[in-house]
Amino acid sequence: MTDIQARLADINRRVAPVFEEHVRLTDAVNKAITLIFAMAAFGVLTFIAIAPTEQSLKERALVNQESIPHG
């Protein structure tokens, strides 16, 4: 093994733990971003699903108000 190869091997040994930590943190950030986007998509889809029922709920509330005798 040449001197350059020995020095590169030494550098790689010292850098390996830092690189592993970097990869672990990057993976955690990617998972967090994915979770945030998934929750946002779920919220939007829930809003879209509920929006059509809002009109029927308003109509029912008006019918219920009209059927209550006011004294």
N, C-alpha and C. Protein backbone atom coordinates (compact mmCIF):
# COMPACT_ATOMS: atom_id res chain seq x y z
N MET A 1 0.85 -1.18 0.00
CA MET A 1 0.00 0.00 0.00
C MET A 1 0.89 1.23 0.00
N THR A 2 0.59 2.13 -0.88
CA THR A 2 1.40 3.35 -0.97
C THR A 2 1.02 4.31 0.14
N ASP A 3 1.83 5.32 0.28
CA ASP A 3 1.58 6.33 1.31
C ASP A 3 0.25 7.05 1.07
N ILE A 4 -0.05 7.36 -0.19
CA ILE A 4 -1.31 8.05 -0.50
C ILE A 4 -2.49 7.16 -0.17
N GLN A 5 -2.41 5.87 -0.50
CA GLN A 5 -3.51 4.95 -0.19
C GLN A 5 -3.71 4.82 1.31
N ALA A 6 -2.64 4.82 2.06
CA ALA A 6 -2.73 4.71 3.52
C ALA A 6 -3.38 5.97 4.09
N ARG A 7 -3.00 7.13 3.57
CA ARG A 7 -3.61 8.37 4.06
C ARG A 7 -5.09 8.45 3.69
N LEU A 8 -5.43 8.01 2.47
CA LEU A 8 -6.84 8.00 2.08
C LEU A 8 -7.65 7.05 2.95
N ALA A 9 -7.10 5.89 3.24
CA ALA A 9 -7.79 4.93 4.11
C ALA A 9 -7.99 5.51 5.50
N ASP A 10 -7.00 6.25 6.00
CA ASP A 10 -7.12 6.88 7.32
C ASP A 10 -8.20 7.96 7.29
N ILE A 11 -8.23 8.76 6.25
CA ILE A 11 -9.26 9.80 6.11
C ILE A 11 -10.64 9.16 6.03
N ASN A 12 -10.77 8.11 5.25
CA ASN A 12 -12.07 7.43 5.13
C ASN A 12 -12.54 6.85 6.46
N ARG A 13 -11.62 6.32 7.25
CA ARG A 13 -11.99 5.80 8.58
C ARG A 13 -12.49 6.90 9.49
N ARG A 14 -11.86 8.08 9.41
CA ARG A 14 -12.28 9.20 10.26
C ARG A 14 -13.59 9.82 9.79
N VAL A 15 -13.83 9.82 8.50
CA VAL A 15 -15.01 10.47 7.94
C VAL A 15 -16.24 9.55 8.00
N ALA A 16 -16.05 8.26 8.03
CA ALA A 16 -17.17 7.30 7.97
C ALA A 16 -18.25 7.57 9.02
N PRO A 17 -17.92 7.76 10.31
CA PRO A 17 -18.99 8.01 11.29
C PRO A 17 -19.77 9.30 11.01
N VAL A 18 -19.07 10.33 10.57
CA VAL A 18 -19.73 11.60 10.25
C VAL A 18 -20.66 11.41 9.06
N PHE A 19 -20.20 10.69 8.07
CA PHE A 19 -21.01 10.44 6.89
C PHE A 19 -22.25 9.62 7.25
N GLU A 20 -22.09 8.61 8.10
CA GLU A 20 -23.23 7.80 8.53
C GLU A 20 -24.26 8.65 9.27
N GLU A 21 -23.79 9.55 10.11
CA GLU A 21 -24.70 10.45 10.83
C GLU A 21 -25.43 11.37 9.86
N HIS A 22 -24.70 11.87 8.87
CA HIS A 22 -25.30 12.73 7.86
C HIS A 22 -26.40 11.98 7.10
N VAL A 23 -26.13 10.74 6.72
CA VAL A 23 -27.11 9.93 6.00
C VAL A 23 -28.34 9.68 6.88
N ARG A 24 -28.11 9.40 8.17
CA ARG A 24 -29.22 9.14 9.10
C ARG A 24 -30.10 10.38 9.26
N LEU A 25 -29.46 11.55 9.42
CA LEU A 25 -30.23 12.78 9.57
C LEU A 25 -30.97 13.16 8.30
N THR A 26 -30.34 12.95 7.15
CA THR A 26 -31.01 13.23 5.88
C THR A 26 -32.22 12.34 5.71
N ASP A 27 -32.09 11.08 6.08
CA ASP A 27 -33.22 10.15 6.00
C ASP A 27 -34.36 10.60 6.92
N ALA A 28 -34.01 11.04 8.12
CA ALA A 28 -35.04 11.51 9.07
C ALA A 28 -35.76 12.74 8.53
N VAL A 29 -35.02 13.67 7.94
CA VAL A 29 -35.64 14.87 7.37
C VAL A 29 -36.56 14.49 6.21
N ASN A 30 -36.12 13.58 5.37
CA ASN A 30 -36.96 13.14 4.25
C ASN A 30 -38.25 12.50 4.75
N LYS A 31 -38.16 11.70 5.79
CA LYS A 31 -39.37 11.07 6.34
C LYS A 31 -40.31 12.12 6.94
N ALA A 32 -39.74 13.11 7.61
CA ALA A 32 -40.57 14.16 8.20
C ALA A 32 -41.28 14.98 7.12
N ILE A 33 -40.57 15.31 6.06
CA ILE A 33 -41.18 16.07 4.96
C ILE A 33 -42.28 15.25 4.30
N THR A 34 -42.03 13.96 4.11
CA THR A 34 -43.05 13.09 3.52
C THR A 34 -44.29 13.03 4.41
N LEU A 35 -44.09 12.95 5.71
CA LEU A 35 -45.22 12.92 6.63
C LEU A 35 -46.01 14.23 6.57
N ILE A 36 -45.32 15.35 6.50
CA ILE A 36 -46.00 16.64 6.42
C ILE A 36 -46.83 16.75 5.14
N PHE A 37 -46.24 16.33 4.01
CA PHE A 37 -46.99 16.36 2.75
C PHE A 37 -48.18 15.41 2.78
N ALA A 38 -48.01 14.24 3.39
CA ALA A 38 -49.11 13.29 3.47
C ALA A 38 -50.25 13.85 4.32
N MET A 39 -49.92 14.48 5.43
CA MET A 39 -50.96 15.07 6.28
C MET A 39 -51.65 16.23 5.57
N ALA A 40 -50.90 17.02 4.84
CA ALA A 40 -51.50 18.13 4.09
C ALA A 40 -52.44 17.59 3.01
N ALA A 41 -52.01 16.55 2.32
CA ALA A 41 -52.86 15.95 1.29
C ALA A 41 -54.13 15.37 1.92
N PHE A 42 -53.98 14.73 3.06
CA PHE A 42 -55.15 14.18 3.76
C PHE A 42 -56.12 15.29 4.15
N GLY A 43 -55.60 16.41 4.62
CA GLY A 43 -56.46 17.54 4.98
C GLY A 43 -57.19 18.10 3.78
N VAL A 44 -56.49 18.25 2.67
CA VAL A 44 -57.13 18.77 1.46
C VAL A 44 -58.20 17.80 0.98
N LEU A 45 -57.90 16.52 0.95
CA LEU A 45 -58.88 15.53 0.51
C LEU A 45 -60.10 15.50 1.44
N THR A 46 -59.87 15.64 2.73
CA THR A 46 -60.99 15.68 3.68
C THR A 46 -61.86 16.90 3.41
N PHE A 47 -61.24 18.05 3.19
CA PHE A 47 -61.99 19.27 2.90
C PHE A 47 -62.79 19.10 1.62
N ILE A 48 -62.18 18.51 0.60
CA ILE A 48 -62.88 18.30 -0.67
C ILE A 48 -64.05 17.34 -0.49
N ALA A 49 -63.89 16.33 0.33
CA ALA A 49 -64.95 15.36 0.54
C ALA A 49 -66.11 15.95 1.35
N ILE A 50 -65.81 16.86 2.26
CA ILE A 50 -66.86 17.43 3.12
C ILE A 50 -67.58 18.58 2.43
N ALA A 51 -66.92 19.28 1.54
CA ALA A 51 -67.51 20.46 0.90
C ALA A 51 -68.87 20.19 0.25
N PRO A 52 -69.08 19.11 -0.49
CA PRO A 52 -70.40 18.89 -1.10
C PRO A 52 -71.52 18.67 -0.07
N THR A 53 -71.20 18.17 1.09
CA THR A 53 -72.23 17.92 2.09
C THR A 53 -72.63 19.19 2.83
N GLU A 54 -71.83 20.24 2.71
CA GLU A 54 -72.13 21.46 3.44
C GLU A 54 -73.47 22.07 3.02
N GLN A 55 -73.77 22.07 1.74
CA GLN A 55 -75.02 22.65 1.25
C GLN A 55 -76.21 21.87 1.80
N SER A 56 -76.13 20.54 1.79
CA SER A 56 -77.25 19.76 2.31
C SER A 56 -77.42 19.97 3.81
N LEU A 57 -76.33 20.17 4.53
CA LEU A 57 -76.44 20.45 5.97
C LEU A 57 -77.11 21.80 6.21
N LYS A 58 -76.79 22.79 5.38
CA LYS A 58 -77.43 24.10 5.52
C LYS A 58 -78.93 24.01 5.22
N GLU A 59 -79.28 23.24 4.18
CA GLU A 59 -80.69 23.08 3.85
C GLU A 59 -81.44 22.38 4.97
N ARG A 60 -80.86 21.35 5.55
CA ARG A 60 -81.49 20.66 6.67
C ARG A 60 -81.68 21.58 7.86
N ALA A 61 -80.69 22.41 8.14
CA ALA A 61 -80.80 23.35 9.27
C ALA A 61 -81.94 24.33 9.02
N LEU A 62 -82.09 24.81 7.78
CA LEU A 62 -83.19 25.72 7.47
C LEU A 62 -84.54 25.03 7.62
N VAL A 63 -84.64 23.79 7.15
CA VAL A 63 -85.90 23.03 7.28
C VAL A 63 -86.22 22.83 8.76
N ASN A 64 -85.20 22.50 9.55
CA ASN A 64 -85.43 22.30 10.98
C ASN A 64 -85.87 23.60 11.65
N GLN A 65 -85.30 24.72 11.24
CA GLN A 65 -85.70 26.00 11.82
C GLN A 65 -87.16 26.32 11.48
N GLU A 66 -87.57 25.99 10.27
CA GLU A 66 -88.93 26.29 9.84
C GLU A 66 -89.94 25.39 10.54
N SER A 67 -89.53 24.19 10.93
CA SER A 67 -90.48 23.26 11.53
C SER A 67 -90.65 23.50 13.03
N ILE A 68 -89.82 24.35 13.63
CA ILE A 68 -89.93 24.63 15.04
C ILE A 68 -90.93 25.77 15.23
N PRO A 69 -91.98 25.55 16.04
CA PRO A 69 -92.95 26.62 16.24
C PRO A 69 -92.34 27.74 17.10
N HIS A 70 -92.53 28.92 16.64
CA HIS A 70 -92.01 30.08 17.38
C HIS A 70 -93.19 30.70 18.13
N GLY A 71 -92.97 30.96 19.36
CA GLY A 71 -94.06 31.37 20.18
C GLY A 71 -94.21 32.77 20.45
